[in-house]
PDB file of N, CA and C in Angstrom:
ATOM      1  N   MET A   1      -8.246  15.650   4.543  1.00  0.00           N
ATOM      2  CA  MET A   1      -7.492  16.813   4.708  1.00  0.00           C
ATOM      3  C   MET A   1      -6.738  17.116   3.345  1.00  0.00           C
ATOM      4  N   LEU A   2      -6.909  18.442   2.914  1.00  0.00           N
ATOM      5  CA  LEU A   2      -6.080  18.733   1.933  1.00  0.00           C
ATOM      6  C   LEU A   2      -5.209  19.876   2.192  1.00  0.00           C
ATOM      7  N   ALA A   3      -4.103  20.145   1.556  1.00  0.00           N
ATOM      8  CA  ALA A   3      -3.266  21.106   1.918  1.00  0.00           C
ATOM      9  C   ALA A   3      -2.153  21.222   0.797  1.00  0.00           C
ATOM     10  N   ASN A   4      -1.666  22.523   0.643  1.00  0.00           N
ATOM     11  CA  ASN A   4      -0.490  22.740  -0.333  1.00  0.00           C
ATOM     12  C   ASN A   4       0.600  22.829   0.498  1.00  0.00           C
ATOM     13  N   PRO A   5       1.534  21.759   0.342  1.00  0.00           N
ATOM     14  CA  PRO A   5       2.746  21.729   1.094  1.00  0.00           C
ATOM     15  C   PRO A   5       3.774  22.449   0.444  1.00  0.00           C
ATOM     16  N   PRO A   6       4.850  23.074   1.266  1.00  0.00           N
ATOM     17  CA  PRO A   6       5.786  23.724   0.714  1.00  0.00           C
ATOM     18  C   PRO A   6       6.784  22.523   0.111  1.00  0.00           C
ATOM     19  N   PHE A   7       7.307  22.717  -1.206  1.00  0.00           N
ATOM     20  CA  PHE A   7       8.121  21.780  -1.673  1.00  0.00           C
ATOM     21  C   PHE A   7       9.586  21.769  -1.437  1.00  0.00           C
ATOM     22  N   ALA A   8      10.078  22.948  -1.050  1.00  0.00           N
ATOM     23  CA  ALA A   8      11.464  23.131  -0.717  1.00  0.00           C
ATOM     24  C   ALA A   8      11.723  24.346   0.111  1.00  0.00           C
ATOM     25  N   GLY A   9      12.680  24.247   0.915  1.00  0.00           N
ATOM     26  CA  GLY A   9      12.939  25.538   1.752  1.00  0.00           C
ATOM     27  C   GLY A   9      13.469  25.067   3.099  1.00  0.00           C
ATOM     28  N   SER A  10      13.879  26.073   3.944  1.00  0.00           N
ATOM     29  CA  SER A  10      14.295  25.769   5.380  1.00  0.00           C
ATOM     30  C   SER A  10      13.983  26.904   6.186  1.00  0.00           C
ATOM     31  N   LEU A  11      13.909  26.549   7.382  1.00  0.00           N
ATOM     32  CA  LEU A  11      13.618  27.532   8.529  1.00  0.00           C
ATOM     33  C   LEU A  11      14.813  27.562   9.502  1.00  0.00           C
ATOM     34  N   ASP A  12      14.871  28.594  10.396  1.00  0.00           N
ATOM     35  CA  ASP A  12      15.666  28.480  11.495  1.00  0.00           C
ATOM     36  C   ASP A  12      15.124  27.691  12.667  1.00  0.00           C
ATOM     37  N   TYR A  13      15.860  26.911  13.320  1.00  0.00           N
ATOM     38  CA  TYR A  13      15.498  26.061  14.370  1.00  0.00           C
ATOM     39  C   TYR A  13      14.486  26.880  15.267  1.00  0.00           C
ATOM     40  N   GLU A  14      14.974  28.098  15.665  1.00  0.00           N
ATOM     41  CA  GLU A  14      14.225  28.870  16.598  1.00  0.00           C
ATOM     42  C   GLU A  14      12.793  29.173  16.052  1.00  0.00           C
ATOM     43  N   SER A  15      12.463  29.190  14.877  1.00  0.00           N
ATOM     44  CA  SER A  15      11.236  29.566  14.292  1.00  0.00           C
ATOM     45  C   SER A  15      10.420  28.425  14.117  1.00  0.00           C
ATOM     46  N   CYS A  16      10.918  27.177  14.330  1.00  0.00           N
ATOM     47  CA  CYS A  16      10.176  25.995  14.156  1.00  0.00           C
ATOM     48  C   CYS A  16       9.413  25.590  15.485  1.00  0.00           C
ATOM     49  N   ALA A  17       8.259  24.921  15.259  1.00  0.00           N
ATOM     50  CA  ALA A  17       7.358  24.571  16.444  1.00  0.00           C
ATOM     51  C   ALA A  17       8.330  23.441  17.233  1.00  0.00           C
ATOM     52  N   LYS A  18       8.258  23.634  18.543  1.00  0.00           N
ATOM     53  CA  LYS A  18       9.209  22.700  19.249  1.00  0.00           C
ATOM     54  C   LYS A  18       8.617  21.338  19.323  1.00  0.00           C
ATOM     55  N   ASP A  19       7.303  21.226  19.251  1.00  0.00           N
ATOM     56  CA  ASP A  19       6.751  19.879  19.337  1.00  0.00           C
ATOM     57  C   ASP A  19       7.002  19.184  18.139  1.00  0.00           C
ATOM     58  N   LEU A  20       7.132  19.836  16.977  1.00  0.00           N
ATOM     59  CA  LEU A  20       7.563  19.109  15.689  1.00  0.00           C
ATOM     60  C   LEU A  20       9.006  18.744  15.575  1.00  0.00           C
ATOM     61  N   LEU A  21       9.807  19.596  16.278  1.00  0.00           N
ATOM     62  CA  LEU A  21      11.319  19.293  16.138  1.00  0.00           C
ATOM     63  C   LEU A  21      11.548  18.146  17.108  1.00  0.00           C
ATOM     64  N   GLN A  22      10.657  17.806  18.230  1.00  0.00           N
ATOM     65  CA  GLN A  22      10.753  16.579  19.039  1.00  0.00           C
ATOM     66  C   GLN A  22      10.582  15.272  18.109  1.00  0.00           C
ATOM     67  N   ILE A  23       9.714  15.347  17.213  1.00  0.00           N
ATOM     68  CA  ILE A  23       9.504  14.343  16.213  1.00  0.00           C
ATOM     69  C   ILE A  23      10.579  14.055  15.113  1.00  0.00           C
ATOM     70  N   VAL A  24      10.878  15.268  14.594  1.00  0.00           N
ATOM     71  CA  VAL A  24      11.895  15.147  13.424  1.00  0.00           C
ATOM     72  C   VAL A  24      12.676  16.533  13.583  1.00  0.00           C
ATOM     73  N   LYS A  25      14.018  16.313  13.766  1.00  0.00           N
ATOM     74  CA  LYS A  25      14.973  17.346  13.992  1.00  0.00           C
ATOM     75  C   LYS A  25      15.257  17.792  12.505  1.00  0.00           C
ATOM     76  N   THR A  26      14.758  18.823  11.980  1.00  0.00           N
ATOM     77  CA  THR A  26      15.093  19.274  10.613  1.00  0.00           C
ATOM     78  C   THR A  26      14.622  20.659  10.451  1.00  0.00           C
ATOM     79  N   LYS A  27      15.352  21.292   9.537  1.00  0.00           N
ATOM     80  CA  LYS A  27      15.003  22.564   9.275  1.00  0.00           C
ATOM     81  C   LYS A  27      14.134  22.630   7.897  1.00  0.00           C
ATOM     82  N   LYS A  28      13.922  21.638   7.218  1.00  0.00           N
ATOM     83  CA  LYS A  28      13.405  21.467   5.960  1.00  0.00           C
ATOM     84  C   LYS A  28      11.961  21.539   5.947  1.00  0.00           C
ATOM     85  N   THR A  29      11.363  22.614   5.261  1.00  0.00           N
ATOM     86  CA  THR A  29       9.929  22.882   5.405  1.00  0.00           C
ATOM     87  C   THR A  29       9.133  21.628   5.105  1.00  0.00           C
ATOM     88  N   GLU A  30       9.514  21.012   3.840  1.00  0.00           N
ATOM     89  CA  GLU A  30       8.530  19.946   3.320  1.00  0.00           C
ATOM     90  C   GLU A  30       8.470  18.721   4.419  1.00  0.00           C
ATOM     91  N   LEU A  31       9.689  18.430   5.071  1.00  0.00           N
ATOM     92  CA  LEU A  31       9.504  17.499   6.184  1.00  0.00           C
ATOM     93  C   LEU A  31       8.797  17.832   7.412  1.00  0.00           C
ATOM     94  N   LEU A  32       8.875  19.125   7.893  1.00  0.00           N
ATOM     95  CA  LEU A  32       8.179  19.675   8.906  1.00  0.00           C
ATOM     96  C   LEU A  32       6.653  19.733   8.611  1.00  0.00           C
ATOM     97  N   PHE A  33       6.366  20.067   7.436  1.00  0.00           N
ATOM     98  CA  PHE A  33       4.910  19.896   6.920  1.00  0.00           C
ATOM     99  C   PHE A  33       4.417  18.570   6.944  1.00  0.00           C
ATOM    100  N   LEU A  34       5.105  17.601   6.475  1.00  0.00           N
ATOM    101  CA  LEU A  34       4.694  16.159   6.512  1.00  0.00           C
ATOM    102  C   LEU A  34       4.539  15.754   8.031  1.00  0.00           C
ATOM    103  N   THR A  35       5.406  16.072   8.934  1.00  0.00           N
ATOM    104  CA  THR A  35       5.300  15.766  10.370  1.00  0.00           C
ATOM    105  C   THR A  35       3.981  16.395  11.031  1.00  0.00           C
ATOM    106  N   LEU A  36       3.607  17.656  10.708  1.00  0.00           N
ATOM    107  CA  LEU A  36       2.443  18.249  11.014  1.00  0.00           C
ATOM    108  C   LEU A  36       1.159  17.635  10.442  1.00  0.00           C
ATOM    109  N   PHE A  37       1.225  17.391   9.172  1.00  0.00           N
ATOM    110  CA  PHE A  37       0.126  16.631   8.568  1.00  0.00           C
ATOM    111  C   PHE A  37      -0.194  15.467   9.149  1.00  0.00           C
ATOM    112  N   LEU A  38       0.860  14.615   9.402  1.00  0.00           N
ATOM    113  CA  LEU A  38       0.547  13.181   9.861  1.00  0.00           C
ATOM    114  C   LEU A  38       0.059  13.313  11.336  1.00  0.00           C
ATOM    115  N   ARG A  39       0.539  14.381  12.125  1.00  0.00           N
ATOM    116  CA  ARG A  39       0.018  14.469  13.370  1.00  0.00           C
ATOM    117  C   ARG A  39      -1.421  14.863  13.397  1.00  0.00           C
ATOM    118  N   LEU A  40      -1.875  15.626  12.644  1.00  0.00           N
ATOM    119  CA  LEU A  40      -3.290  16.236  12.453  1.00  0.00           C
ATOM    120  C   LEU A  40      -4.206  15.200  11.935  1.00  0.00           C
ATOM    121  N   LEU A  41      -3.750  14.178  11.044  1.00  0.00           N
ATOM    122  CA  LEU A  41      -4.613  13.186  10.482  1.00  0.00           C
ATOM    123  C   LEU A  41      -5.362  12.378  11.533  1.00  0.00           C
ATOM    124  N   LYS A  42      -6.527  11.954  11.439  1.00  0.00           N
ATOM    125  CA  LYS A  42      -7.096  10.924  12.337  1.00  0.00           C
ATOM    126  C   LYS A  42      -6.971   9.661  11.761  1.00  0.00           C
ATOM    127  N   PRO A  43      -7.000   8.527  12.686  1.00  0.00           N
ATOM    128  CA  PRO A  43      -6.752   7.268  12.225  1.00  0.00           C
ATOM    129  C   PRO A  43      -7.777   6.921  11.085  1.00  0.00           C
ATOM    130  N   ALA A  44      -7.230   6.208   9.975  1.00  0.00           N
ATOM    131  CA  ALA A  44      -7.991   5.727   8.875  1.00  0.00           C
ATOM    132  C   ALA A  44      -8.518   6.800   7.972  1.00  0.00           C
ATOM    133  N   SER A  45      -7.880   8.102   8.222  1.00  0.00           N
ATOM    134  CA  SER A  45      -8.187   9.041   7.261  1.00  0.00           C
ATOM    135  C   SER A  45      -7.213   9.149   6.144  1.00  0.00           C
ATOM    136  N   ARG A  46      -7.414  10.059   5.182  1.00  0.00           N
ATOM    137  CA  ARG A  46      -6.618  10.297   4.083  1.00  0.00           C
ATOM    138  C   ARG A  46      -5.963  11.730   4.039  1.00  0.00           C
ATOM    139  N   GLY A  47      -4.801  11.870   3.621  1.00  0.00           N
ATOM    140  CA  GLY A  47      -4.107  13.002   3.459  1.00  0.00           C
ATOM    141  C   GLY A  47      -4.353  13.676   2.063  1.00  0.00           C
ATOM    142  N   CYS A  48      -4.983  13.090   1.234  1.00  0.00           N
ATOM    143  CA  CYS A  48      -5.344  13.651  -0.045  1.00  0.00           C
ATOM    144  C   CYS A  48      -6.273  12.717  -0.664  1.00  0.00           C
ATOM    145  N   PRO A  49      -7.134  13.216  -1.750  1.00  0.00           N
ATOM    146  CA  PRO A  49      -7.836  12.143  -2.511  1.00  0.00           C
ATOM    147  C   PRO A  49      -7.066  11.315  -3.458  1.00  0.00           C
ATOM    148  N   LYS A  50      -7.461  10.058  -3.325  1.00  0.00           N
ATOM    149  CA  LYS A  50      -6.647   9.266  -4.330  1.00  0.00           C
ATOM    150  C   LYS A  50      -6.927   9.558  -5.617  1.00  0.00           C
ATOM    151  N   GLY A  51      -5.902   9.520  -6.472  1.00  0.00           N
ATOM    152  CA  GLY A  51      -6.307  10.152  -7.847  1.00  0.00           C
ATOM    153  C   GLY A  51      -5.201   9.435  -8.781  1.00  0.00           C
ATOM    154  N   PHE A  52      -5.622   9.444  -9.788  1.00  0.00           N
ATOM    155  CA  PHE A  52      -4.693   8.917 -10.854  1.00  0.00           C
ATOM    156  C   PHE A  52      -4.359   9.875 -11.931  1.00  0.00           C
ATOM    157  N   ASN A  53      -4.196  11.332 -11.530  1.00  0.00           N
ATOM    158  CA  ASN A  53      -3.721  12.113 -12.553  1.00  0.00           C
ATOM    159  C   ASN A  53      -2.341  11.778 -13.085  1.00  0.00           C
ATOM    160  N   GLU A  54      -2.120  12.205 -14.354  1.00  0.00           N
ATOM    161  CA  GLU A  54      -0.716  12.089 -15.105  1.00  0.00           C
ATOM    162  C   GLU A  54       0.198  13.098 -14.301  1.00  0.00           C
ATOM    163  N   ARG A  55       1.493  12.864 -14.331  1.00  0.00           N
ATOM    164  CA  ARG A  55       2.454  13.623 -13.697  1.00  0.00           C
ATOM    165  C   ARG A  55       2.727  14.971 -14.513  1.00  0.00           C
ATOM    166  N   THR A  56       1.903  15.223 -15.471  1.00  0.00           N
ATOM    167  CA  THR A  56       1.924  16.501 -16.165  1.00  0.00           C
ATOM    168  C   THR A  56       0.832  17.458 -15.743  1.00  0.00           C
ATOM    169  N   ALA A  57      -0.081  16.911 -14.898  1.00  0.00           N
ATOM    170  CA  ALA A  57      -1.271  17.709 -14.422  1.00  0.00           C
ATOM    171  C   ALA A  57      -0.754  18.677 -13.163  1.00  0.00           C
ATOM    172  N   GLN A  58      -1.528  19.522 -12.810  1.00  0.00           N
ATOM    173  CA  GLN A  58      -1.268  20.438 -11.672  1.00  0.00           C
ATOM    174  C   GLN A  58      -1.026  19.752 -10.523  1.00  0.00           C
ATOM    175  N   SER A  59      -1.815  18.597 -10.174  1.00  0.00           N
ATOM    176  CA  SER A  59      -1.731  17.781  -9.002  1.00  0.00           C
ATOM    177  C   SER A  59      -1.733  16.363  -9.449  1.00  0.00           C
ATOM    178  N   PHE A  60      -0.920  15.542  -8.693  1.00  0.00           N
ATOM    179  CA  PHE A  60      -0.872  14.103  -9.039  1.00  0.00           C
ATOM    180  C   PHE A  60      -0.185  13.430  -7.811  1.00  0.00           C
ATOM    181  N   CYS A  61      -0.554  12.035  -7.896  1.00  0.00           N
ATOM    182  CA  CYS A  61       0.085  11.203  -6.868  1.00  0.00           C
ATOM    183  C   CYS A  61       1.343  10.603  -7.169  1.00  0.00           C
ATOM    184  N   VAL A  62       2.240  10.382  -6.100  1.00  0.00           N
ATOM    185  CA  VAL A  62       3.538   9.969  -6.385  1.00  0.00           C
ATOM    186  C   VAL A  62       3.700   8.614  -5.435  1.00  0.00           C
ATOM    187  N   PRO A  63       4.143   7.492  -5.948  1.00  0.00           N
ATOM    188  CA  PRO A  63       4.232   6.301  -5.081  1.00  0.00           C
ATOM    189  C   PRO A  63       5.277   6.533  -4.139  1.00  0.00           C
ATOM    190  N   LYS A  64       5.046   5.994  -2.825  1.00  0.00           N
ATOM    191  CA  LYS A  64       6.120   6.089  -1.846  1.00  0.00           C
ATOM    192  C   LYS A  64       7.502   5.755  -2.273  1.00  0.00           C
ATOM    193  N   SER A  65       7.584   4.703  -3.041  1.00  0.00           N
ATOM    194  CA  SER A  65       8.873   4.121  -3.552  1.00  0.00           C
ATOM    195  C   SER A  65       9.655   5.109  -4.252  1.00  0.00           C
ATOM    196  N   ASP A  66       8.958   6.022  -5.148  1.00  0.00           N
ATOM    197  CA  ASP A  66       9.565   6.999  -5.907  1.00  0.00           C
ATOM    198  C   ASP A  66      10.076   8.140  -4.810  1.00  0.00           C
ATOM    199  N   ILE A  67       9.442   8.451  -3.825  1.00  0.00           N
ATOM    200  CA  ILE A  67       9.852   9.364  -2.785  1.00  0.00           C
ATOM    201  C   ILE A  67      11.024   8.818  -2.040  1.00  0.00           C
ATOM    202  N   VAL A  68      11.116   7.504  -1.680  1.00  0.00           N
ATOM    203  CA  VAL A  68      12.132   6.987  -0.929  1.00  0.00           C
ATOM    204  C   VAL A  68      13.287   6.991  -1.986  1.00  0.00           C
ATOM    205  N   GLU A  69      13.266   6.599  -3.106  1.00  0.00           N
ATOM    206  CA  GLU A  69      14.248   6.593  -4.114  1.00  0.00           C
ATOM    207  C   GLU A  69      14.909   8.029  -4.336  1.00  0.00           C
ATOM    208  N   GLN A  70      14.175   9.064  -4.099  1.00  0.00           N
ATOM    209  CA  GLN A  70      14.775  10.463  -4.156  1.00  0.00           C
ATOM    210  C   GLN A  70      15.261  10.851  -2.884  1.00  0.00           C
ATOM    211  N   GLY A  71      15.352  10.169  -1.950  1.00  0.00           N
ATOM    212  CA  GLY A  71      15.895  10.590  -0.566  1.00  0.00           C
ATOM    213  C   GLY A  71      14.920  11.374   0.190  1.00  0.00           C
ATOM    214  N   TYR A  72      13.527  11.192   0.079  1.00  0.00           N
ATOM    215  CA  TYR A  72      12.556  12.031   0.564  1.00  0.00           C
ATOM    216  C   TYR A  72      12.500  13.411   0.276  1.00  0.00           C
ATOM    217  N   ASP A  73      13.272  13.727  -0.805  1.00  0.00           N
ATOM    218  CA  ASP A  73      13.266  15.143  -1.391  1.00  0.00           C
ATOM    219  C   ASP A  73      11.731  15.262  -2.012  1.00  0.00           C
ATOM    220  N   LEU A  74      11.190  16.229  -1.515  1.00  0.00           N
ATOM    221  CA  LEU A  74       9.748  16.552  -2.199  1.00  0.00           C
ATOM    222  C   LEU A  74       9.673  17.761  -2.942  1.00  0.00           C
ATOM    223  N   SER A  75      10.751  18.178  -3.735  1.00  0.00           N
ATOM    224  CA  SER A  75      10.863  19.068  -4.784  1.00  0.00           C
ATOM    225  C   SER A  75      10.046  18.632  -5.849  1.00  0.00           C
ATOM    226  N   ILE A  76       9.004  19.408  -6.407  1.00  0.00           N
ATOM    227  CA  ILE A  76       8.121  18.948  -7.427  1.00  0.00           C
ATOM    228  C   ILE A  76       8.839  18.569  -8.713  1.00  0.00           C
ATOM    229  N   ASN A  77       9.977  19.368  -8.821  1.00  0.00           N
ATOM    230  CA  ASN A  77      10.691  19.048 -10.284  1.00  0.00           C
ATOM    231  C   ASN A  77      11.297  17.564 -10.211  1.00  0.00           C
ATOM    232  N   ARG A  78      11.429  16.834  -9.229  1.00  0.00           N
ATOM    233  CA  ARG A  78      11.915  15.617  -9.097  1.00  0.00           C
ATOM    234  C   ARG A  78      10.789  14.493  -9.612  1.00  0.00           C
ATOM    235  N   TYR A  79       9.499  15.048  -9.598  1.00  0.00           N
ATOM    236  CA  TYR A  79       8.465  14.081  -9.880  1.00  0.00           C
ATOM    237  C   TYR A  79       7.577  14.587 -11.120  1.00  0.00           C
ATOM    238  N   LYS A  80       7.408  15.795 -11.314  1.00  0.00           N
ATOM    239  CA  LYS A  80       6.539  16.330 -12.286  1.00  0.00           C
ATOM    240  C   LYS A  80       7.226  16.120 -13.705  1.00  0.00           C
ATOM    241  N   GLU A  81       6.481  15.705 -14.719  1.00  0.00           N
ATOM    242  CA  GLU A  81       6.845  15.520 -15.901  1.00  0.00           C
ATOM    243  C   GLU A  81       6.560  16.675 -16.910  1.00  0.00           C
ATOM    244  N   VAL A  82       7.469  17.273 -17.455  1.00  0.00           N
ATOM    245  CA  VAL A  82       7.122  18.656 -18.217  1.00  0.00           C
ATOM    246  C   VAL A  82       6.995  18.125 -19.716  1.00  0.00           C
ATOM    247  N   VAL A  83       6.021  18.480 -20.453  1.00  0.00           N
ATOM    248  CA  VAL A  83       5.856  18.096 -21.849  1.00  0.00           C
ATOM    249  C   VAL A  83       5.958  19.432 -22.721  1.00  0.00           C
ATOM    250  N   HIS A  84       6.974  19.442 -23.474  1.00  0.00           N
ATOM    251  CA  HIS A  84       7.085  20.521 -24.502  1.00  0.00           C
ATOM    252  C   HIS A  84       6.423  20.356 -25.646  1.00  0.00           C
ATOM    253  N   GLU A  85       5.513  21.358 -25.886  1.00  0.00           N
ATOM    254  CA  GLU A  85       4.814  21.303 -27.086  1.00  0.00           C
ATOM    255  C   GLU A  85       5.526  22.017 -28.243  1.00  0.00           C
ATOM    256  N   GLU A  86       5.583  21.406 -29.482  1.00  0.00           N
ATOM    257  CA  GLU A  86       6.251  21.964 -30.743  1.00  0.00           C
ATOM    258  C   GLU A  86       5.179  22.965 -31.056  1.00  0.00           C
ATOM    259  N   VAL A  87       5.878  24.251 -31.330  1.00  0.00           N
ATOM    260  CA  VAL A  87       5.126  25.361 -31.911  1.00  0.00           C
ATOM    261  C   VAL A  87       5.618  25.638 -33.193  1.00  0.00           C
ATOM    262  N   ASP A  88       4.664  25.834 -34.177  1.00  0.00           N
ATOM    263  CA  ASP A  88       4.990  26.125 -35.511  1.00  0.00           C
ATOM    264  C   ASP A  88       4.999  27.620 -35.779  1.00  0.00           C
ATOM    265  N   HIS A  89       6.077  28.339 -35.800  1.00  0.00           N
ATOM    266  CA  HIS A  89       6.193  29.624 -36.021  1.00  0.00           C
ATOM    267  C   HIS A  89       6.254  30.035 -37.518  1.00  0.00           C
ATOM    268  N   ARG A  90       5.809  31.188 -37.807  1.00  0.00           N
ATOM    269  CA  ARG A  90       5.897  31.747 -39.194  1.00  0.00           C
ATOM    270  C   ARG A  90       7.415  32.080 -39.426  1.00  0.00           C
ATOM    271  N   PRO A  91       7.849  32.126 -40.663  1.00  0.00           N
ATOM    272  CA  PRO A  91       9.254  32.426 -40.856  1.00  0.00           C
ATOM    273  C   PRO A  91       9.316  33.930 -40.704  1.00  0.00           C
ATOM    274  N   PRO A  92      10.551  34.343 -40.175  1.00  0.00           N
ATOM    275  CA  PRO A  92      10.732  35.754 -39.848  1.00  0.00           C
ATOM    276  C   PRO A  92      10.668  36.707 -41.111  1.00  0.00           C
ATOM    277  N   GLN A  93      11.010  36.203 -42.426  1.00  0.00           N
ATOM    278  CA  GLN A  93      10.878  37.112 -43.485  1.00  0.00           C
ATOM    279  C   GLN A  93       9.286  37.361 -43.805  1.00  0.00           C
ATOM    280  N   VAL A  94       8.537  36.347 -43.478  1.00  0.00           N
ATOM    281  CA  VAL A  94       6.897  36.657 -43.577  1.00  0.00           C
ATOM    282  C   VAL A  94       6.460  37.614 -42.648  1.00  0.00           C
ATOM    283  N   ILE A  95       6.958  37.518 -41.446  1.00  0.00           N
ATOM    284  CA  ILE A  95       6.486  38.550 -40.390  1.00  0.00           C
ATOM    285  C   ILE A  95       6.916  39.855 -40.688  1.00  0.00           C
ATOM    286  N   LEU A  96       8.168  39.962 -41.075  1.00  0.00           N
ATOM    287  CA  LEU A  96       8.649  41.263 -41.441  1.00  0.00           C
ATOM    288  C   LEU A  96       8.124  41.924 -42.548  1.00  0.00           C
ATOM    289  N   SER A  97       7.620  41.017 -43.611  1.00  0.00           N
ATOM    290  CA  SER A  97       7.031  41.599 -44.757  1.00  0.00           C
ATOM    291  C   SER A  97       5.773  42.131 -44.486  1.00  0.00           C
ATOM    292  N   GLU A  98       5.013  41.468 -43.543  1.00  0.00           N
ATOM    293  CA  GLU A  98       3.696  41.929 -43.156  1.00  0.00           C
ATOM    294  C   GLU A  98       3.708  43.229 -42.313  1.00  0.00           C
ATOM    295  N   LEU A  99       4.883  43.295 -41.591  1.00  0.00           N
ATOM    296  CA  LEU A  99       5.043  44.485 -40.804  1.00  0.00           C
ATOM    297  C   LEU A  99       5.338  45.778 -41.665  1.00  0.00           C
ATOM    298  N   GLU A 100       6.137  45.468 -42.622  1.00  0.00           N
ATOM    299  CA  GLU A 100       6.365  46.482 -43.721  1.00  0.00           C
ATOM    300  C   GLU A 100       5.135  47.021 -44.393  1.00  0.00           C
ATOM    301  N   LYS A 101       4.239  46.104 -44.716  1.00  0.00           N
ATOM    302  CA  LYS A 101       2.796  46.380 -45.356  1.00  0.00           C
ATOM    303  C   LYS A 101       2.038  47.456 -44.332  1.00  0.00           C
TER     304      LYS A 101
END
C-alpha cells in the first residue's frame, strides 16, 4: 500500500472518524493517517517499498528510532536533508556592462 501522508496539521475532533479516535485520541493529521494506514494493512504486508534512498531524495525511509527520538513528529523537515549547491554568478559589473551594450 502506498500513500502520501500529511506531514503536519490538525483537525477538529468533530471532523475526525470516530473509529480512529477510539484507537488514538488526537487531532494531529499525521497520527490519524498512521492509525488509518495500520488498520488498512493486511498481516505481513508492507506500508511502503523498502528503499535505501538518501534523505535528500523526494522519498526516503526513516528508521523508527529516529521517529521515536523526534517524539513521533512526522514533519518532513525533521528528517529530510537539504543540500545547498554553490552557484557561481557573474559579477554584477559584467552583467551591467552587457546590458548597456
